[in-house]
Amino acid sequence: MYLSRFLSIHALWVTVSSVMQPYPLVWGHYDVCKTQIYTEEGKVWDYMACQPESTDMTKYLKVKLDPPDITCGDPPETFCAMGNPYMCNNECDASTPELAHPPELMFDFEGRHPSTFWQSATWKEYPKPLQVNITLSWSKTIELTDNIVITFESGRPDQMILEKSLDYGRTWQPYQYYATDCLDAFHMDPKSVKDLSQHTVLEIICTEEYSTGYMTNSKIIHFEIKDRFAFFAGPWLRNMASLYGQLDTTKKLRDFFTVTDLRIRLLRPAVGEIFVDELHLARYFYAISDIKVHGRCKCNLHATVCVYDNSKLTCECEHNTTGPDCGKCKKNYQGRPWSPGSYLPIPKGTANTCIPSISSIGKCYCNPLGSVHDRCNGSGFCECKTGTTGPKCDECLPGNSWHYGCQPNVCDNELLHCQNGGTCHNNVRCLCPAAYTGILCEKLRCEEAGSCGSDSGQGALPRSSPALLLLLLLLLLAALLGITSPLGI
């Protein structure tokens, strides 16, 4: 009996889930910059805001250590095991691949055994501070989309600062402080991201959450990007429209998640006790096995592709923009000030394309049905639409017919028949019956208007709200389980 009820509930859930598919939980991928649409004037470009996909940005960075000779192994030295600080017979030797721990091992593929890691020299010069700066540089503006995660092979440091730069390392600002004792180390009260809110999301905090000593299960440090997103998009990041709206209208918030460089400042290694054991200084060092930085090239919502060529990241700009970040208008397209694209309105956003300069438009006439503009561009020629040619864009290329400008033949009497009773007109468009629309009359007109109902006689299902569907699901579950509805239904 219970099995049959479970199977019935599962089938019901699948059915309701499929019905609710038109109600997306995450909005706005922005993976297309433009698309062609058909209007009464013919085929035109519809421009949209767009951005590259989020990816693992550690594939494209350059790493620099300061001091540059801080990596262990030159000269060779011994250090103590992480699990047993008094077993000090491990060796680091830069001249032997199996015993070397160079910086690139912070970013290699993990998953094999034993794990690979970068390691610093030990604290052999105590009481001089053992401090290391690890700088990650992209030579490109990037936008962070996920938590920064640093995995230590040694104990997590007693004191550390994560910093960011927006000007390629010329100036630095703190992102977050980490310490076993925030008040003692940085004169700050300890906090976590959970103590923040929408109004304080940009506050720079010191956390004690990630600064324990030798713990085999406590090796990871986070900088919580998603938790900050959640203040606007909800705990499961389902209301991305709200987040995009905030990023659109609040430059400081947008800049907070934007970097050209990151710097990890290791200020004091994991000691594990109040006092440093001066007789066993080989216990103290830094070792990092993995750093994860997920993000995307910042292209100001004017590109979907960011290419990596000659060790350099560059946006492939659309919308008549140019520059490494698509941060300015192309020559002869400065008819209005450059502006970044906008996430709003959801889900397509606004492209804010650059338009031709008045000074670049000549005095010759271009056919408006075949040309992008009705006047010549700065080179003295008409800029023809796809499919048109000629000095005035008033001729069609082969395979196109002149009708509202040159368009490819979309229907004929042999191969591309108009559907649902439509008739082909000039090999260019289908003349559709009143109830149908689309290039080949393949769509119900009421579907485009969102007005198809059970009484329309066209077989369209009425749209239901998610709340109504959820109520229906609860009532059916109650019926299957034999529970009396509190509404008496």
Protein backbone atom coordinates (compact mmCIF):
# COMPACT_ATOMS: atom_id res chain seq x y z
CA MET A 1 0.00 0.00 0.00
CA TYR A 2 2.73 2.46 0.98
CA LEU A 3 4.74 1.58 -2.12
CA SER A 4 1.78 2.27 -4.40
CA ARG A 5 1.18 5.59 -2.62
CA PHE A 6 4.84 6.51 -3.02
CA LEU A 7 4.75 5.70 -6.73
CA SER A 8 1.57 7.74 -7.12
CA ILE A 9 3.12 10.69 -5.30
CA HIS A 10 6.26 10.44 -7.42
CA ALA A 11 4.22 10.41 -10.64
CA LEU A 12 2.21 13.38 -9.39
CA TRP A 13 5.36 15.34 -8.58
CA VAL A 14 6.84 14.67 -12.05
CA THR A 15 3.60 15.83 -13.66
CA VAL A 16 3.32 19.02 -11.63
CA SER A 17 7.04 19.78 -12.12
CA SER A 18 6.66 19.49 -15.88
CA VAL A 19 3.63 21.80 -15.84
CA MET A 20 5.59 24.38 -13.84
CA GLN A 21 8.53 24.46 -16.29
CA PRO A 22 7.42 27.80 -17.83
CA TYR A 23 8.28 29.45 -14.49
CA PRO A 24 12.11 29.54 -14.39
CA LEU A 25 13.74 29.87 -10.99
CA VAL A 26 16.99 31.37 -12.27
CA TRP A 27 16.77 34.25 -14.71
CA GLY A 28 19.14 35.73 -17.23
CA HIS A 29 22.00 33.71 -18.72
CA TYR A 30 22.83 36.50 -21.20
CA ASP A 31 24.59 34.10 -23.56
CA VAL A 32 23.49 35.76 -26.83
CA CYS A 33 24.40 39.31 -27.93
CA LYS A 34 22.00 39.60 -30.85
CA THR A 35 19.45 37.62 -32.82
CA GLN A 36 17.57 38.18 -36.06
CA ILE A 37 13.84 38.74 -35.86
CA TYR A 38 11.16 39.28 -38.49
CA THR A 39 9.11 42.45 -38.43
CA GLU A 40 6.77 44.15 -40.88
CA GLU A 41 9.83 45.96 -42.23
CA GLY A 42 11.67 42.67 -42.74
CA LYS A 43 14.50 40.86 -40.95
CA VAL A 44 16.34 43.03 -38.41
CA TRP A 45 18.82 42.53 -35.57
CA ASP A 46 17.52 42.48 -32.02
CA TYR A 47 20.38 43.39 -29.65
CA MET A 48 20.62 42.11 -26.06
CA ALA A 49 22.95 42.39 -23.07
CA CYS A 50 25.44 39.52 -23.05
CA GLN A 51 28.37 38.17 -21.04
CA PRO A 52 30.84 35.24 -21.14
CA GLU A 53 30.20 32.04 -19.24
CA SER A 54 31.66 31.65 -15.77
CA THR A 55 34.75 29.42 -15.71
CA ASP A 56 37.82 28.41 -13.68
CA MET A 57 39.96 31.56 -13.90
CA THR A 58 43.10 29.93 -12.45
CA LYS A 59 43.82 28.60 -15.96
CA TYR A 60 44.66 32.12 -17.08
CA LEU A 61 46.53 33.71 -14.17
CA LYS A 62 50.16 34.47 -13.46
CA VAL A 63 51.46 33.92 -9.92
CA LYS A 64 54.20 35.86 -8.17
CA LEU A 65 55.71 35.25 -4.73
CA ASP A 66 57.26 37.88 -2.49
CA PRO A 67 59.93 37.31 -1.33
CA PRO A 68 60.76 35.45 -4.56
CA ASP A 69 63.06 32.93 -2.83
CA ILE A 70 60.53 31.92 -0.17
CA THR A 71 59.70 28.52 -1.76
CA CYS A 72 61.38 25.64 0.08
CA GLY A 73 64.06 23.45 -1.47
CA ASP A 74 66.90 25.81 -2.37
CA PRO A 75 68.90 24.87 -0.39
CA PRO A 76 67.23 21.56 0.57
CA GLU A 77 65.77 21.43 4.05
CA THR A 78 63.78 19.10 6.28
CA PHE A 79 60.40 19.86 7.77
CA CYS A 80 58.01 18.21 10.18
CA ALA A 81 55.03 16.13 9.12
CA MET A 82 51.67 17.87 9.21
CA GLY A 83 50.02 15.17 11.29
CA ASN A 84 52.93 14.78 13.70
CA PRO A 85 54.82 18.04 14.32
CA TYR A 86 57.64 16.17 16.05
CA MET A 87 58.36 13.80 13.12
CA CYS A 88 60.79 16.07 11.29
CA ASN A 89 62.34 13.88 8.58
CA ASN A 90 60.42 15.09 5.50
CA GLU A 91 62.54 16.76 2.84
CA CYS A 92 61.99 19.59 0.37
CA ASP A 93 64.52 19.70 -2.49
CA ALA A 94 63.93 21.95 -5.52
CA SER A 95 66.43 19.96 -7.63
CA THR A 96 64.48 16.69 -7.26
CA PRO A 97 61.01 16.65 -8.92
CA GLU A 98 59.56 14.20 -6.39
CA LEU A 99 60.64 16.43 -3.49
CA ALA A 100 60.04 19.88 -5.05
CA HIS A 101 57.05 22.09 -4.20
CA PRO A 102 57.00 24.95 -6.77
CA PRO A 103 54.20 27.59 -6.94
CA GLU A 104 52.46 26.06 -9.96
CA LEU A 105 51.38 23.11 -7.79
CA MET A 106 48.81 25.44 -6.19
CA PHE A 107 46.82 25.26 -9.46
CA ASP A 108 47.41 21.78 -10.91
CA PHE A 109 44.81 19.06 -11.22
CA GLU A 110 44.08 17.48 -7.85
CA GLY A 111 42.64 14.06 -7.28
CA ARG A 112 45.68 11.83 -7.49
CA HIS A 113 47.60 10.54 -4.48
CA PRO A 114 49.71 11.89 -2.92
CA SER A 115 48.42 15.44 -3.27
CA THR A 116 50.70 18.09 -4.75
CA PHE A 117 51.30 21.44 -3.11
CA TRP A 118 53.44 24.55 -2.95
CA GLN A 119 55.43 24.96 0.26
CA SER A 120 57.37 27.81 1.80
CA ALA A 121 60.64 27.62 3.67
CA THR A 122 60.31 26.86 7.38
CA TRP A 123 60.43 29.47 10.13
CA LYS A 124 64.16 28.98 10.63
CA GLU A 125 64.80 32.73 11.05
CA TYR A 126 62.44 33.13 14.01
CA PRO A 127 61.69 35.64 15.62
CA LYS A 128 61.82 37.46 12.26
CA PRO A 129 58.26 37.18 10.85
CA LEU A 130 57.64 34.43 8.31
CA GLN A 131 55.53 36.37 5.82
CA VAL A 132 54.64 35.63 2.17
CA ASN A 133 52.66 37.55 -0.46
CA ILE A 134 51.08 35.40 -3.19
CA THR A 135 49.85 37.63 -6.04
CA LEU A 136 47.47 36.28 -8.70
CA SER A 137 47.29 38.47 -11.81
CA TRP A 138 45.09 38.24 -14.91
CA SER A 139 46.10 41.43 -16.78
CA LYS A 140 42.35 41.70 -17.38
CA THR A 141 39.34 42.80 -15.39
CA ILE A 142 37.32 39.80 -14.20
CA GLU A 143 34.07 39.41 -12.28
CA LEU A 144 33.95 36.83 -9.48
CA THR A 145 30.97 34.46 -9.61
CA ASP A 146 31.73 31.87 -6.90
CA ASN A 147 33.58 31.54 -3.60
CA ILE A 148 37.34 31.88 -3.56
CA VAL A 149 38.60 28.66 -1.97
CA ILE A 150 42.16 28.14 -0.67
CA THR A 151 43.12 24.64 0.46
CA PHE A 152 46.12 24.40 2.78
CA GLU A 153 48.26 21.31 3.09
CA SER A 154 49.78 22.78 6.25
CA GLY A 155 47.76 24.16 9.11
CA ARG A 156 45.74 27.23 8.18
CA PRO A 157 47.62 30.42 9.04
CA ASP A 158 47.08 32.18 12.34
CA GLN A 159 46.95 35.50 10.48
CA MET A 160 46.14 36.18 6.85
CA ILE A 161 44.66 38.94 4.66
CA LEU A 162 42.97 38.47 1.28
CA GLU A 163 43.33 41.63 -0.84
CA LYS A 164 42.10 42.78 -4.26
CA SER A 165 43.24 45.28 -6.87
CA LEU A 166 41.17 46.99 -9.55
CA ASP A 167 44.10 48.73 -11.23
CA TYR A 168 46.48 45.87 -12.08
CA GLY A 169 48.30 45.87 -8.74
CA ARG A 170 49.02 49.58 -8.40
CA THR A 171 46.75 49.89 -5.34
CA TRP A 172 45.25 47.28 -3.04
CA GLN A 173 42.16 47.05 -0.82
CA PRO A 174 41.42 44.37 1.80
CA TYR A 175 38.74 41.81 0.96
CA GLN A 176 38.76 39.94 4.28
CA TYR A 177 40.94 39.40 7.37
CA TYR A 178 41.54 35.95 8.89
CA ALA A 179 42.97 35.31 12.36
CA THR A 180 42.82 33.05 15.39
CA ASP A 181 42.34 36.26 17.42
CA CYS A 182 40.95 39.16 15.33
CA LEU A 183 41.12 41.68 18.16
CA ASP A 184 44.77 40.95 18.87
CA ALA A 185 45.91 40.62 15.25
CA PHE A 186 43.94 43.39 13.49
CA HIS A 187 42.12 45.30 16.27
CA MET A 188 38.78 44.15 14.86
CA ASP A 189 35.87 42.34 16.42
CA PRO A 190 35.37 38.90 14.87
CA LYS A 191 32.44 38.48 12.48
CA SER A 192 31.18 36.07 9.86
CA VAL A 193 29.31 36.74 6.61
CA LYS A 194 26.13 35.60 8.36
CA ASP A 195 26.37 38.74 10.52
CA LEU A 196 26.07 40.96 7.44
CA SER A 197 22.97 42.18 5.60
CA GLN A 198 22.02 43.88 2.33
CA HIS A 199 23.02 47.22 3.84
CA THR A 200 26.39 46.01 5.17
CA VAL A 201 27.31 43.52 2.43
CA LEU A 202 30.36 45.62 1.44
CA GLU A 203 31.76 45.69 4.99
CA ILE A 204 35.30 44.35 5.34
CA ILE A 205 35.30 41.86 8.22
CA CYS A 206 37.77 39.79 10.23
CA THR A 207 36.76 36.18 10.74
CA GLU A 208 38.12 33.56 13.16
CA GLU A 209 36.11 30.85 11.43
CA TYR A 210 38.97 29.56 9.26
CA SER A 211 42.05 29.89 11.46
CA THR A 212 42.50 26.72 13.50
CA GLY A 213 45.86 24.97 13.89
CA TYR A 214 46.82 21.42 12.93
CA MET A 215 43.51 19.84 11.97
CA THR A 216 43.40 17.19 9.26
CA ASN A 217 39.79 18.07 8.42
CA SER A 218 40.25 21.86 8.64
CA LYS A 219 42.37 22.89 5.71
CA ILE A 220 40.07 25.16 3.70
CA ILE A 221 39.64 28.94 3.75
CA HIS A 222 36.73 30.62 1.93
CA PHE A 223 35.97 34.10 0.74
CA GLU A 224 32.20 33.84 0.49
CA ILE A 225 30.93 35.33 -2.77
CA LYS A 226 27.69 33.34 -2.97
CA ASP A 227 26.66 34.19 0.58
CA ARG A 228 26.85 37.85 -0.40
CA PHE A 229 24.84 37.21 -3.58
CA ALA A 230 22.24 35.51 -1.40
CA PHE A 231 21.38 38.76 0.40
CA PHE A 232 19.74 39.85 -2.86
CA ALA A 233 18.95 36.61 -4.71
CA GLY A 234 17.75 34.49 -1.77
CA PRO A 235 19.44 31.52 -0.04
CA TRP A 236 19.28 29.30 -3.15
CA LEU A 237 20.15 32.15 -5.58
CA ARG A 238 16.80 31.73 -7.30
CA ASN A 239 15.86 35.39 -7.52
CA MET A 240 18.69 36.45 -9.82
CA ALA A 241 16.53 39.28 -11.17
CA SER A 242 16.87 41.04 -7.81
CA LEU A 243 20.65 40.56 -7.77
CA TYR A 244 21.04 41.77 -11.35
CA GLY A 245 18.93 44.80 -10.53
CA GLN A 246 21.23 45.68 -7.63
CA LEU A 247 24.37 45.15 -9.71
CA ASP A 248 22.88 47.39 -12.41
CA THR A 249 22.08 50.29 -10.12
CA THR A 250 24.85 50.13 -7.50
CA LYS A 251 28.33 50.65 -8.92
CA LYS A 252 30.05 50.00 -5.56
CA LEU A 253 28.38 46.58 -5.38
CA ARG A 254 29.40 45.73 -8.93
CA ASP A 255 32.98 46.86 -8.26
CA PHE A 256 33.11 44.78 -5.06
CA PHE A 257 32.99 41.57 -7.10
CA THR A 258 35.38 42.90 -9.79
CA VAL A 259 39.18 42.44 -9.69
CA THR A 260 42.26 42.53 -11.88
CA ASP A 261 44.48 40.92 -9.23
CA LEU A 262 44.17 39.06 -5.94
CA ARG A 263 46.79 38.94 -3.21
CA ILE A 264 47.03 36.41 -0.38
CA ARG A 265 49.11 37.84 2.46
CA LEU A 266 50.30 35.09 4.80
CA LEU A 267 51.38 36.90 7.97
CA ARG A 268 51.84 34.19 10.59
CA PRO A 269 51.89 30.39 10.15
CA ALA A 270 49.77 27.99 12.17
CA VAL A 271 51.36 27.74 15.59
CA GLY A 272 48.70 25.73 17.38
CA GLU A 273 49.67 27.08 20.78
CA ILE A 274 50.17 30.43 22.44
CA PHE A 275 53.96 30.25 22.22
CA VAL A 276 56.27 29.31 19.34
CA ASP A 277 58.37 26.19 20.02
CA GLU A 278 61.81 27.61 19.23
CA LEU A 279 63.42 24.16 19.46
CA HIS A 280 61.27 22.80 16.59
CA LEU A 281 61.02 25.67 14.08
CA ALA A 282 60.74 23.15 11.21
CA ARG A 283 57.13 22.71 12.38
CA TYR A 284 56.15 26.13 11.06
CA PHE A 285 55.67 26.87 7.35
CA TYR A 286 52.93 27.46 4.76
CA ALA A 287 51.77 24.86 2.24
CA ILE A 288 48.88 25.32 -0.26
CA SER A 289 47.60 22.46 -2.39
CA ASP A 290 44.81 24.23 -4.30
CA ILE A 291 43.36 27.66 -5.07
CA LYS A 292 39.98 28.01 -6.81
CA VAL A 293 38.82 31.26 -8.40
CA HIS A 294 35.68 31.13 -10.54
CA GLY A 295 34.58 34.12 -12.56
CA ARG A 296 34.20 35.59 -16.02
CA CYS A 297 35.91 38.21 -18.13
CA LYS A 298 34.34 41.59 -17.57
CA CYS A 299 33.08 42.71 -20.97
CA ASN A 300 30.53 45.30 -19.75
CA LEU A 301 27.68 43.10 -21.09
CA HIS A 302 28.92 43.61 -24.66
CA ALA A 303 30.42 40.15 -25.42
CA THR A 304 29.82 36.44 -24.88
CA VAL A 305 33.33 35.29 -25.82
CA CYS A 306 36.63 36.00 -24.06
CA VAL A 307 39.66 34.64 -25.91
CA TYR A 308 43.02 33.69 -24.40
CA ASP A 309 45.77 34.41 -26.90
CA ASN A 310 49.48 35.12 -26.33
CA SER A 311 48.90 34.74 -22.55
CA LYS A 312 46.29 37.49 -22.63
CA LEU A 313 42.52 37.56 -22.12
CA THR A 314 40.45 39.80 -24.41
CA CYS A 315 36.72 40.21 -24.95
CA GLU A 316 35.38 39.67 -28.49
CA CYS A 317 33.24 42.78 -28.45
CA GLU A 318 29.80 43.20 -30.01
CA HIS A 319 27.39 46.15 -30.11
CA ASN A 320 29.95 48.30 -32.04
CA THR A 321 32.22 48.43 -28.97
CA THR A 322 35.94 47.78 -28.68
CA GLY A 323 38.76 47.54 -26.12
CA PRO A 324 39.91 44.69 -23.79
CA ASP A 325 36.73 45.17 -21.69
CA CYS A 326 34.53 46.50 -24.55
CA GLY A 327 34.86 49.79 -22.69
CA LYS A 328 34.54 52.25 -25.57
CA CYS A 329 32.78 52.75 -28.89
CA LYS A 330 34.42 51.82 -32.18
CA LYS A 331 35.62 54.52 -34.52
CA ASN A 332 32.72 56.19 -36.37
CA TYR A 333 30.27 54.77 -33.77
CA GLN A 334 30.43 57.55 -31.21
CA GLY A 335 27.03 59.07 -31.92
CA ARG A 336 26.27 58.90 -28.19
CA PRO A 337 28.43 58.34 -25.12
CA TRP A 338 29.54 54.75 -24.50
CA SER A 339 27.57 52.92 -21.82
CA PRO A 340 27.80 49.40 -20.40
CA GLY A 341 24.97 47.03 -21.15
CA SER A 342 22.22 46.62 -18.60
CA TYR A 343 20.88 43.43 -17.03
CA LEU A 344 17.43 45.00 -17.05
CA PRO A 345 14.76 44.33 -18.11
CA ILE A 346 14.97 40.62 -17.32
CA PRO A 347 15.62 38.32 -19.13
CA LYS A 348 17.25 40.01 -22.17
CA GLY A 349 18.59 43.21 -20.65
CA THR A 350 19.49 46.28 -22.69
CA ALA A 351 22.44 46.26 -25.09
CA ASN A 352 23.12 50.04 -25.14
CA THR A 353 24.79 49.67 -28.54
CA CYS A 354 27.10 52.35 -29.89
CA ILE A 355 25.55 54.21 -32.81
CA PRO A 356 27.22 55.90 -35.80
CA SER A 357 28.66 59.37 -35.34
CA ILE A 358 26.87 62.22 -37.09
CA SER A 359 30.20 63.37 -38.54
CA SER A 360 30.78 59.92 -40.07
CA ILE A 361 27.55 59.95 -42.08
CA GLY A 362 28.07 61.29 -45.61
CA LYS A 363 25.62 63.05 -47.91
CA CYS A 364 24.97 60.17 -50.32
CA TYR A 365 21.63 58.36 -50.26
CA CYS A 366 21.30 54.68 -49.26
CA ASN A 367 18.15 52.66 -49.84
CA PRO A 368 16.63 52.32 -46.34
CA LEU A 369 15.22 48.87 -47.17
CA GLY A 370 18.66 47.49 -47.96
CA SER A 371 21.04 49.63 -45.89
CA VAL A 372 21.72 49.75 -42.16
CA HIS A 373 21.54 53.58 -42.37
CA ASP A 374 19.97 55.94 -44.86
CA ARG A 375 23.28 57.80 -45.43
CA CYS A 376 26.82 56.74 -46.32
CA ASN A 377 29.26 55.93 -43.55
CA GLY A 378 32.61 57.61 -42.99
CA SER A 379 34.23 55.70 -45.86
CA GLY A 380 31.71 57.08 -48.36
CA PHE A 381 29.86 53.80 -48.92
CA CYS A 382 26.48 52.46 -47.86
CA GLU A 383 26.56 49.76 -45.14
CA CYS A 384 24.33 47.07 -46.60
CA LYS A 385 22.12 44.68 -44.66
CA THR A 386 22.64 40.93 -45.00
CA GLY A 387 21.58 39.79 -48.47
CA THR A 388 21.81 43.19 -50.19
CA THR A 389 24.50 44.67 -52.42
CA GLY A 390 25.12 47.55 -54.79
CA PRO A 391 26.41 51.09 -54.26
CA LYS A 392 23.08 52.13 -52.73
CA CYS A 393 22.16 48.72 -51.22
CA ASP A 394 19.28 48.44 -53.66
CA GLU A 395 20.17 45.05 -55.20
CA CYS A 396 19.75 41.54 -53.86
CA LEU A 397 22.37 38.84 -53.68
CA PRO A 398 21.49 35.49 -55.37
CA GLY A 399 19.01 33.43 -53.36
CA ASN A 400 17.29 36.51 -51.93
CA SER A 401 14.13 38.33 -53.02
CA TRP A 402 13.45 42.05 -52.83
CA HIS A 403 10.67 42.57 -50.32
CA TYR A 404 11.06 44.81 -47.30
CA GLY A 405 14.75 44.64 -48.15
CA CYS A 406 16.52 41.54 -49.44
CA GLN A 407 15.59 38.41 -47.51
CA PRO A 408 16.32 34.72 -48.13
CA ASN A 409 13.54 32.77 -49.74
CA VAL A 410 11.65 31.27 -46.80
CA CYS A 411 8.87 29.52 -48.70
CA ASP A 412 8.19 28.03 -52.16
CA ASN A 413 5.73 25.70 -53.78
CA GLU A 414 7.95 22.60 -53.58
CA LEU A 415 10.16 22.48 -50.47
CA LEU A 416 9.04 24.95 -47.81
CA HIS A 417 5.27 24.84 -47.76
CA CYS A 418 3.37 27.30 -45.61
CA GLN A 419 1.48 25.46 -42.88
CA ASN A 420 -2.08 25.58 -41.55
CA GLY A 421 -3.54 26.94 -44.80
CA GLY A 422 -0.96 29.69 -45.37
CA THR A 423 0.05 30.78 -48.89
CA CYS A 424 3.55 31.67 -50.11
CA HIS A 425 3.98 35.30 -51.27
CA ASN A 426 6.94 36.23 -53.53
CA ASN A 427 9.02 33.36 -52.04
CA VAL A 428 9.65 35.66 -49.08
CA ARG A 429 6.86 35.21 -46.56
CA CYS A 430 3.77 33.19 -45.83
CA LEU A 431 0.38 34.89 -45.77
CA CYS A 432 -1.24 33.21 -42.75
CA PRO A 433 -4.89 32.66 -41.80
CA ALA A 434 -6.13 34.96 -39.05
CA ALA A 435 -5.57 32.41 -36.27
CA TYR A 436 -1.93 31.64 -37.14
CA THR A 437 1.41 33.44 -37.29
CA GLY A 438 5.14 32.66 -37.64
CA ILE A 439 7.50 32.39 -40.60
CA LEU A 440 5.64 29.32 -41.94
CA CYS A 441 2.33 29.93 -40.11
CA GLU A 442 3.41 27.32 -37.59
CA LYS A 443 2.29 29.16 -34.42
CA LEU A 444 -1.09 29.96 -32.93
CA ARG A 445 -1.51 33.72 -32.76
CA CYS A 446 -3.18 33.47 -29.34
CA GLU A 447 -0.07 31.68 -27.95
CA GLU A 448 2.13 34.68 -28.76
CA ALA A 449 -0.39 36.96 -27.08
CA GLY A 450 -0.69 34.60 -24.09
CA SER A 451 -4.47 34.50 -24.50
CA CYS A 452 -5.11 30.90 -25.54
CA GLY A 453 -7.78 29.48 -23.27
CA SER A 454 -9.92 26.40 -23.05
CA ASP A 455 -12.70 28.26 -24.85
CA SER A 456 -10.52 29.38 -27.76
CA GLY A 457 -11.17 26.19 -29.66
CA GLN A 458 -7.48 25.85 -30.51
CA GLY A 459 -6.41 23.27 -27.98
CA ALA A 460 -4.27 25.59 -25.84
CA LEU A 461 -4.02 24.90 -22.14
CA PRO A 462 -4.71 27.74 -19.72
CA ARG A 463 -1.69 29.05 -17.83
CA SER A 464 -1.73 28.36 -14.12
CA SER A 465 0.14 30.26 -11.48
CA PRO A 466 2.80 28.45 -9.44
CA ALA A 467 0.79 29.11 -6.24
CA LEU A 468 -2.30 27.43 -7.70
CA LEU A 469 -0.27 24.46 -8.87
CA LEU A 470 1.34 24.12 -5.45
CA LEU A 471 -2.09 24.17 -3.78
CA LEU A 472 -3.29 21.51 -6.21
CA LEU A 473 -0.24 19.38 -5.40
CA LEU A 474 -0.88 19.63 -1.64
CA LEU A 475 -4.54 18.69 -2.04
CA LEU A 476 -3.70 15.68 -4.19
CA LEU A 477 -1.00 14.56 -1.74
CA ALA A 478 -3.48 14.81 1.09
CA ALA A 479 -5.95 12.72 -0.87
CA LEU A 480 -3.38 10.05 -1.63
CA LEU A 481 -2.33 9.84 2.01
CA GLY A 482 -5.88 9.76 3.28
CA ILE A 483 -5.59 13.10 5.13
CA THR A 484 -8.67 15.28 5.49
CA SER A 485 -8.15 18.75 3.99
CA PRO A 486 -8.32 21.58 6.54
CA LEU A 487 -10.31 23.52 3.98
CA GLY A 488 -12.97 20.81 3.93
CA ILE A 489 -12.43 20.28 0.17
